Amino acid sequence: MSEAENFAGSCLCGAVKFTAQIAQREMAVCHCSMCRKWSGGMFFAAEAERITFEDEAQLGVYSSSDWGERCFCKTCGTTLMWRGKDGSHTALAVPTLDRAPEFALTTQIFIDEKPEAYDLAQTTNNLTGAEVFAMFAPPN
């Protein structure tokens, strides 16, 4: 595991600015139907250890399931992150970072929901929706 580094980022209009502490220079792509509808396509995300916002006044939060919520800019609508309600996991939208060229695509999740219209060239770890739920969803 590499040492955590701070990455600056923001939404499209600049109303939401943040610093994210990220250790792994890896990103995953989610193909679930909620992420595709929410982000307009695949959701490229990096695991953030800590995120500090300059001002949370324009940070919108949508409760998308019993255990997760999605954050966005109230002004421009930029998709910012998905996070577990229990604080255990934060998936930050990589395109919102000011720089992220060194992030490697390593994992595709909800691979069983990926539309047939596209394929990614990288060789990745692939997890089905059931495998993701087993890893992150709270027990019933």
N, C-alpha and C. Protein backbone atom coordinates (compact mmCIF):
# COMPACT_ATOMS: atom_id res chain seq x y z
N MET A 1 0.85 -1.18 0.00
CA MET A 1 0.00 0.00 0.00
C MET A 1 0.88 1.24 0.00
N SER A 2 0.58 2.18 -0.86
CA SER A 2 1.37 3.39 -0.93
C SER A 2 0.91 4.39 0.12
N GLU A 3 1.75 5.38 0.33
CA GLU A 3 1.42 6.41 1.31
C GLU A 3 0.30 7.30 0.79
N ALA A 4 -0.61 7.67 1.67
CA ALA A 4 -1.74 8.51 1.27
C ALA A 4 -1.25 9.88 0.81
N GLU A 5 -1.91 10.39 -0.20
CA GLU A 5 -1.57 11.69 -0.77
C GLU A 5 -2.84 12.51 -0.90
N ASN A 6 -2.73 13.81 -0.76
CA ASN A 6 -3.88 14.69 -0.91
C ASN A 6 -4.07 15.07 -2.37
N PHE A 7 -5.31 14.98 -2.83
CA PHE A 7 -5.70 15.36 -4.19
C PHE A 7 -6.79 16.41 -4.09
N ALA A 8 -6.62 17.52 -4.79
CA ALA A 8 -7.65 18.56 -4.84
C ALA A 8 -8.65 18.23 -5.93
N GLY A 9 -9.88 18.67 -5.73
CA GLY A 9 -10.90 18.45 -6.74
C GLY A 9 -12.06 19.40 -6.55
N SER A 10 -12.97 19.38 -7.51
CA SER A 10 -14.13 20.26 -7.43
C SER A 10 -15.20 19.78 -8.40
N CYS A 11 -16.36 20.40 -8.27
CA CYS A 11 -17.45 20.18 -9.22
C CYS A 11 -17.20 21.06 -10.45
N LEU A 12 -18.07 20.97 -11.43
CA LEU A 12 -17.94 21.73 -12.67
C LEU A 12 -17.96 23.24 -12.44
N CYS A 13 -18.87 23.73 -11.60
CA CYS A 13 -19.01 25.18 -11.40
C CYS A 13 -18.07 25.73 -10.32
N GLY A 14 -17.43 24.86 -9.55
CA GLY A 14 -16.51 25.30 -8.51
C GLY A 14 -17.16 25.60 -7.17
N ALA A 15 -18.46 25.39 -7.04
CA ALA A 15 -19.15 25.67 -5.78
C ALA A 15 -18.75 24.67 -4.69
N VAL A 16 -18.42 23.44 -5.09
CA VAL A 16 -17.97 22.42 -4.13
C VAL A 16 -16.51 22.11 -4.43
N LYS A 17 -15.64 22.47 -3.49
CA LYS A 17 -14.21 22.19 -3.61
C LYS A 17 -13.82 21.31 -2.44
N PHE A 18 -12.89 20.40 -2.69
CA PHE A 18 -12.51 19.46 -1.64
C PHE A 18 -11.07 19.03 -1.79
N THR A 19 -10.57 18.43 -0.73
CA THR A 19 -9.29 17.73 -0.73
C THR A 19 -9.57 16.31 -0.29
N ALA A 20 -9.09 15.35 -1.06
CA ALA A 20 -9.30 13.94 -0.76
C ALA A 20 -7.97 13.27 -0.48
N GLN A 21 -7.93 12.50 0.59
CA GLN A 21 -6.74 11.73 0.92
C GLN A 21 -6.91 10.34 0.31
N ILE A 22 -6.01 10.00 -0.61
CA ILE A 22 -6.11 8.74 -1.35
C ILE A 22 -4.78 8.02 -1.27
N ALA A 23 -4.81 6.75 -0.86
CA ALA A 23 -3.59 5.96 -0.75
C ALA A 23 -3.34 5.13 -2.00
N GLN A 24 -4.34 4.44 -2.47
CA GLN A 24 -4.18 3.57 -3.63
C GLN A 24 -4.41 4.35 -4.91
N ARG A 25 -3.48 4.26 -5.83
CA ARG A 25 -3.62 4.93 -7.13
C ARG A 25 -4.36 4.02 -8.09
N GLU A 26 -5.50 3.55 -7.63
CA GLU A 26 -6.32 2.64 -8.41
C GLU A 26 -7.74 3.18 -8.49
N MET A 27 -8.42 2.83 -9.57
CA MET A 27 -9.83 3.19 -9.67
C MET A 27 -10.62 1.98 -10.15
N ALA A 28 -11.88 2.03 -9.82
CA ALA A 28 -12.81 1.00 -10.25
C ALA A 28 -13.89 1.67 -11.08
N VAL A 29 -14.56 0.87 -11.87
CA VAL A 29 -15.70 1.39 -12.63
C VAL A 29 -16.91 0.56 -12.23
N CYS A 30 -18.02 1.26 -11.98
CA CYS A 30 -19.25 0.58 -11.60
C CYS A 30 -20.22 0.63 -12.77
N HIS A 31 -20.79 -0.53 -13.09
CA HIS A 31 -21.74 -0.64 -14.19
C HIS A 31 -23.18 -0.81 -13.70
N CYS A 32 -23.45 -0.64 -12.40
CA CYS A 32 -24.81 -0.86 -11.91
C CYS A 32 -25.76 0.17 -12.52
N SER A 33 -27.02 -0.19 -12.58
CA SER A 33 -27.99 0.69 -13.22
C SER A 33 -28.12 2.02 -12.48
N MET A 34 -27.99 2.02 -11.15
CA MET A 34 -28.09 3.29 -10.41
C MET A 34 -26.93 4.21 -10.76
N CYS A 35 -25.70 3.69 -10.79
CA CYS A 35 -24.55 4.53 -11.12
C CYS A 35 -24.63 5.04 -12.55
N ARG A 36 -25.09 4.20 -13.48
CA ARG A 36 -25.20 4.65 -14.87
C ARG A 36 -26.23 5.76 -15.01
N LYS A 37 -27.35 5.66 -14.30
CA LYS A 37 -28.36 6.72 -14.35
C LYS A 37 -27.87 7.99 -13.65
N TRP A 38 -27.18 7.80 -12.53
CA TRP A 38 -26.71 8.91 -11.71
C TRP A 38 -25.60 9.70 -12.41
N SER A 39 -24.65 8.99 -13.04
CA SER A 39 -23.50 9.67 -13.61
C SER A 39 -23.58 9.84 -15.12
N GLY A 40 -24.58 9.26 -15.75
CA GLY A 40 -24.70 9.37 -17.19
C GLY A 40 -23.83 8.38 -17.94
N GLY A 41 -23.27 7.42 -17.26
CA GLY A 41 -22.40 6.42 -17.88
C GLY A 41 -21.76 5.59 -16.80
N MET A 42 -20.61 5.08 -17.10
CA MET A 42 -19.87 4.32 -16.09
C MET A 42 -19.42 5.28 -14.99
N PHE A 43 -19.36 4.80 -13.76
CA PHE A 43 -18.91 5.62 -12.64
C PHE A 43 -17.49 5.20 -12.27
N PHE A 44 -16.51 6.05 -12.59
CA PHE A 44 -15.11 5.79 -12.26
C PHE A 44 -14.84 6.34 -10.87
N ALA A 45 -14.39 5.48 -9.96
CA ALA A 45 -14.24 5.89 -8.57
C ALA A 45 -12.93 5.42 -7.96
N ALA A 46 -12.43 6.19 -7.01
CA ALA A 46 -11.26 5.83 -6.22
C ALA A 46 -11.65 5.84 -4.75
N GLU A 47 -11.09 4.92 -4.00
CA GLU A 47 -11.36 4.83 -2.56
C GLU A 47 -10.67 6.00 -1.86
N ALA A 48 -11.44 6.83 -1.20
CA ALA A 48 -10.90 7.98 -0.46
C ALA A 48 -10.92 7.67 1.03
N GLU A 49 -9.80 7.93 1.69
CA GLU A 49 -9.71 7.70 3.13
C GLU A 49 -10.35 8.84 3.90
N ARG A 50 -10.23 10.03 3.38
CA ARG A 50 -10.79 11.20 4.05
C ARG A 50 -11.04 12.29 3.01
N ILE A 51 -12.16 12.96 3.13
CA ILE A 51 -12.47 14.07 2.24
C ILE A 51 -12.81 15.28 3.09
N THR A 52 -12.16 16.40 2.80
CA THR A 52 -12.42 17.65 3.50
C THR A 52 -12.97 18.65 2.49
N PHE A 53 -14.14 19.19 2.78
CA PHE A 53 -14.78 20.17 1.90
C PHE A 53 -14.48 21.57 2.38
N GLU A 54 -14.24 22.50 1.44
CA GLU A 54 -14.04 23.90 1.80
C GLU A 54 -15.33 24.47 2.38
N ASP A 55 -16.46 24.10 1.78
CA ASP A 55 -17.76 24.60 2.21
C ASP A 55 -18.80 23.57 1.77
N GLU A 56 -19.57 23.05 2.70
CA GLU A 56 -20.55 22.01 2.37
C GLU A 56 -21.93 22.56 2.02
N ALA A 57 -22.07 23.88 1.92
CA ALA A 57 -23.38 24.48 1.68
C ALA A 57 -24.01 24.00 0.37
N GLN A 58 -23.21 23.75 -0.66
CA GLN A 58 -23.73 23.33 -1.96
C GLN A 58 -23.62 21.82 -2.18
N LEU A 59 -23.25 21.08 -1.14
CA LEU A 59 -23.14 19.62 -1.25
C LEU A 59 -24.51 18.99 -1.01
N GLY A 60 -25.04 18.37 -2.04
CA GLY A 60 -26.32 17.67 -1.93
C GLY A 60 -26.08 16.21 -1.62
N VAL A 61 -26.99 15.60 -0.87
CA VAL A 61 -26.89 14.19 -0.51
C VAL A 61 -28.22 13.52 -0.83
N TYR A 62 -28.14 12.42 -1.57
CA TYR A 62 -29.33 11.65 -1.93
C TYR A 62 -29.19 10.24 -1.37
N SER A 63 -30.14 9.81 -0.56
CA SER A 63 -30.15 8.47 0.01
C SER A 63 -30.66 7.50 -1.06
N SER A 64 -29.73 6.76 -1.69
CA SER A 64 -30.10 5.90 -2.82
C SER A 64 -30.41 4.47 -2.42
N SER A 65 -30.10 4.11 -1.18
CA SER A 65 -30.42 2.77 -0.68
C SER A 65 -30.40 2.80 0.84
N ASP A 66 -30.71 1.68 1.45
CA ASP A 66 -30.69 1.61 2.91
C ASP A 66 -29.29 1.82 3.47
N TRP A 67 -28.26 1.54 2.67
CA TRP A 67 -26.90 1.59 3.19
C TRP A 67 -25.97 2.52 2.44
N GLY A 68 -26.45 3.21 1.40
CA GLY A 68 -25.57 4.11 0.65
C GLY A 68 -26.23 5.41 0.28
N GLU A 69 -25.39 6.43 0.06
CA GLU A 69 -25.88 7.72 -0.37
C GLU A 69 -24.94 8.31 -1.42
N ARG A 70 -25.49 9.15 -2.26
CA ARG A 70 -24.76 9.75 -3.37
C ARG A 70 -24.70 11.26 -3.16
N CYS A 71 -23.53 11.82 -3.37
CA CYS A 71 -23.32 13.25 -3.14
C CYS A 71 -23.08 13.96 -4.47
N PHE A 72 -23.58 15.19 -4.56
CA PHE A 72 -23.52 15.95 -5.80
C PHE A 72 -23.53 17.44 -5.47
N CYS A 73 -23.20 18.25 -6.47
CA CYS A 73 -23.27 19.70 -6.30
C CYS A 73 -24.71 20.15 -6.52
N LYS A 74 -25.24 20.93 -5.58
CA LYS A 74 -26.61 21.44 -5.70
C LYS A 74 -26.74 22.47 -6.82
N THR A 75 -25.64 23.11 -7.21
CA THR A 75 -25.69 24.15 -8.23
C THR A 75 -25.61 23.57 -9.64
N CYS A 76 -24.56 22.79 -9.93
CA CYS A 76 -24.35 22.31 -11.30
C CYS A 76 -24.70 20.83 -11.48
N GLY A 77 -24.92 20.10 -10.39
CA GLY A 77 -25.33 18.71 -10.48
C GLY A 77 -24.20 17.71 -10.63
N THR A 78 -22.95 18.15 -10.57
CA THR A 78 -21.83 17.23 -10.74
C THR A 78 -21.91 16.07 -9.76
N THR A 79 -21.72 14.86 -10.28
CA THR A 79 -21.61 13.65 -9.48
C THR A 79 -20.29 13.70 -8.72
N LEU A 80 -20.32 13.62 -7.39
CA LEU A 80 -19.09 13.74 -6.60
C LEU A 80 -18.64 12.44 -5.96
N MET A 81 -19.55 11.71 -5.29
CA MET A 81 -19.12 10.49 -4.63
C MET A 81 -20.31 9.65 -4.20
N TRP A 82 -20.02 8.40 -3.95
CA TRP A 82 -20.94 7.48 -3.29
C TRP A 82 -20.28 7.15 -1.97
N ARG A 83 -21.07 7.08 -0.90
CA ARG A 83 -20.49 6.71 0.40
C ARG A 83 -21.46 5.85 1.18
N GLY A 84 -20.89 4.96 1.97
CA GLY A 84 -21.69 4.14 2.86
C GLY A 84 -22.22 4.99 3.98
N LYS A 85 -23.46 4.78 4.37
CA LYS A 85 -24.05 5.57 5.45
C LYS A 85 -23.35 5.34 6.77
N ASP A 86 -22.70 4.19 6.91
CA ASP A 86 -21.98 3.90 8.15
C ASP A 86 -20.57 4.48 8.15
N GLY A 87 -20.18 5.16 7.07
CA GLY A 87 -18.86 5.77 6.99
C GLY A 87 -17.74 4.82 6.64
N SER A 88 -18.07 3.58 6.30
CA SER A 88 -17.04 2.57 6.06
C SER A 88 -16.40 2.65 4.68
N HIS A 89 -17.02 3.33 3.73
CA HIS A 89 -16.52 3.31 2.36
C HIS A 89 -16.92 4.59 1.64
N THR A 90 -15.96 5.20 0.96
CA THR A 90 -16.24 6.38 0.15
C THR A 90 -15.62 6.18 -1.23
N ALA A 91 -16.44 6.21 -2.25
CA ALA A 91 -15.99 6.07 -3.64
C ALA A 91 -16.11 7.43 -4.31
N LEU A 92 -14.98 8.09 -4.50
CA LEU A 92 -14.93 9.44 -5.04
C LEU A 92 -14.87 9.39 -6.56
N ALA A 93 -15.65 10.22 -7.22
CA ALA A 93 -15.65 10.28 -8.69
C ALA A 93 -14.30 10.81 -9.18
N VAL A 94 -13.53 9.95 -9.82
CA VAL A 94 -12.19 10.31 -10.29
C VAL A 94 -12.20 11.52 -11.22
N PRO A 95 -13.18 11.68 -12.13
CA PRO A 95 -13.15 12.86 -13.01
C PRO A 95 -13.25 14.20 -12.28
N THR A 96 -13.63 14.22 -11.01
CA THR A 96 -13.71 15.48 -10.27
C THR A 96 -12.36 15.91 -9.71
N LEU A 97 -11.36 15.03 -9.75
CA LEU A 97 -10.03 15.37 -9.25
C LEU A 97 -9.32 16.27 -10.26
N ASP A 98 -8.55 17.22 -9.75
CA ASP A 98 -7.80 18.12 -10.63
C ASP A 98 -6.72 17.37 -11.41
N ARG A 99 -6.20 16.31 -10.83
CA ARG A 99 -5.21 15.47 -11.52
C ARG A 99 -5.41 14.03 -11.08
N ALA A 100 -5.42 13.13 -12.02
CA ALA A 100 -5.55 11.71 -11.70
C ALA A 100 -5.00 10.83 -12.81
N PRO A 101 -3.99 11.31 -13.56
CA PRO A 101 -3.51 10.50 -14.69
C PRO A 101 -2.81 9.21 -14.26
N GLU A 102 -2.33 9.17 -13.03
CA GLU A 102 -1.60 7.98 -12.58
C GLU A 102 -2.50 6.90 -11.99
N PHE A 103 -3.80 7.09 -12.02
CA PHE A 103 -4.72 6.09 -11.49
C PHE A 103 -4.90 4.97 -12.51
N ALA A 104 -4.71 3.74 -12.07
CA ALA A 104 -4.88 2.57 -12.94
C ALA A 104 -6.27 1.99 -12.76
N LEU A 105 -6.92 1.63 -13.85
CA LEU A 105 -8.22 0.96 -13.77
C LEU A 105 -7.96 -0.51 -13.43
N THR A 106 -8.40 -0.93 -12.24
CA THR A 106 -8.09 -2.28 -11.77
C THR A 106 -9.31 -3.17 -11.60
N THR A 107 -10.49 -2.58 -11.42
CA THR A 107 -11.67 -3.38 -11.06
C THR A 107 -12.91 -2.86 -11.77
N GLN A 108 -13.77 -3.80 -12.16
CA GLN A 108 -15.10 -3.47 -12.67
C GLN A 108 -16.10 -4.17 -11.76
N ILE A 109 -17.05 -3.39 -11.23
CA ILE A 109 -18.06 -3.99 -10.36
C ILE A 109 -19.44 -3.93 -11.03
N PHE A 110 -20.30 -4.82 -10.57
CA PHE A 110 -21.60 -5.02 -11.21
C PHE A 110 -21.39 -5.35 -12.70
N ILE A 111 -20.39 -6.20 -12.95
CA ILE A 111 -20.06 -6.58 -14.31
C ILE A 111 -21.24 -7.27 -14.99
N ASP A 112 -22.08 -7.90 -14.19
CA ASP A 112 -23.26 -8.57 -14.74
C ASP A 112 -24.34 -7.59 -15.20
N GLU A 113 -24.19 -6.29 -14.89
CA GLU A 113 -25.14 -5.28 -15.35
C GLU A 113 -24.56 -4.39 -16.45
N LYS A 114 -23.32 -4.69 -16.87
CA LYS A 114 -22.67 -3.87 -17.91
C LYS A 114 -23.41 -4.03 -19.23
N PRO A 115 -23.77 -2.91 -19.87
CA PRO A 115 -24.41 -3.01 -21.18
C PRO A 115 -23.47 -3.66 -22.20
N GLU A 116 -24.01 -4.36 -23.15
CA GLU A 116 -23.20 -5.01 -24.17
C GLU A 116 -22.61 -4.02 -25.17
N ALA A 117 -23.05 -2.78 -25.16
CA ALA A 117 -22.63 -1.78 -26.14
C ALA A 117 -21.16 -1.38 -26.02
N TYR A 118 -20.52 -1.65 -24.91
CA TYR A 118 -19.12 -1.27 -24.76
C TYR A 118 -18.36 -2.32 -23.97
N ASP A 119 -17.04 -2.32 -24.17
CA ASP A 119 -16.10 -3.14 -23.40
C ASP A 119 -14.88 -2.28 -23.12
N LEU A 120 -14.27 -2.48 -21.97
CA LEU A 120 -13.05 -1.75 -21.64
C LEU A 120 -11.84 -2.62 -22.01
N ALA A 121 -10.79 -1.99 -22.50
CA ALA A 121 -9.63 -2.72 -23.00
C ALA A 121 -8.76 -3.31 -21.89
N GLN A 122 -8.77 -2.71 -20.71
CA GLN A 122 -7.91 -3.16 -19.62
C GLN A 122 -8.34 -4.53 -19.09
N THR A 123 -7.36 -5.30 -18.65
CA THR A 123 -7.65 -6.53 -17.92
C THR A 123 -7.88 -6.13 -16.47
N THR A 124 -9.05 -6.47 -15.93
CA THR A 124 -9.43 -6.03 -14.59
C THR A 124 -9.98 -7.18 -13.77
N ASN A 125 -10.05 -6.96 -12.46
CA ASN A 125 -10.81 -7.84 -11.60
C ASN A 125 -12.28 -7.51 -11.86
N ASN A 126 -13.11 -8.52 -11.99
CA ASN A 126 -14.53 -8.31 -12.28
C ASN A 126 -15.38 -8.91 -11.18
N LEU A 127 -16.27 -8.10 -10.61
CA LEU A 127 -17.16 -8.56 -9.55
C LEU A 127 -18.61 -8.39 -9.98
N THR A 128 -19.42 -9.39 -9.70
CA THR A 128 -20.86 -9.30 -9.97
C THR A 128 -21.53 -8.47 -8.88
N GLY A 129 -22.77 -8.12 -9.10
CA GLY A 129 -23.53 -7.40 -8.08
C GLY A 129 -23.62 -8.17 -6.79
N ALA A 130 -23.85 -9.49 -6.88
CA ALA A 130 -23.95 -10.32 -5.67
C ALA A 130 -22.65 -10.29 -4.89
N GLU A 131 -21.51 -10.31 -5.58
CA GLU A 131 -20.22 -10.26 -4.89
C GLU A 131 -20.00 -8.92 -4.21
N VAL A 132 -20.43 -7.84 -4.84
CA VAL A 132 -20.29 -6.50 -4.24
C VAL A 132 -21.17 -6.39 -3.00
N PHE A 133 -22.43 -6.85 -3.10
CA PHE A 133 -23.31 -6.81 -1.94
C PHE A 133 -22.75 -7.62 -0.79
N ALA A 134 -22.16 -8.77 -1.07
CA ALA A 134 -21.57 -9.60 -0.02
C ALA A 134 -20.42 -8.87 0.68
N MET A 135 -19.71 -8.03 -0.06
CA MET A 135 -18.57 -7.30 0.52
C MET A 135 -18.99 -6.07 1.32
N PHE A 136 -20.02 -5.34 0.85
CA PHE A 136 -20.31 -4.02 1.42
C PHE A 136 -21.66 -3.86 2.10
N ALA A 137 -22.65 -4.61 1.69
CA ALA A 137 -23.99 -4.42 2.27
C ALA A 137 -24.03 -4.93 3.70
N PRO A 138 -24.72 -4.22 4.58
CA PRO A 138 -24.83 -4.70 5.96
C PRO A 138 -25.66 -5.98 6.00
N PRO A 139 -25.37 -6.86 6.95
CA PRO A 139 -26.16 -8.09 7.06
C PRO A 139 -27.60 -7.76 7.44
N ASN A 140 -28.52 -8.58 6.97
CA ASN A 140 -29.95 -8.36 7.29
C ASN A 140 -30.26 -8.74 8.71
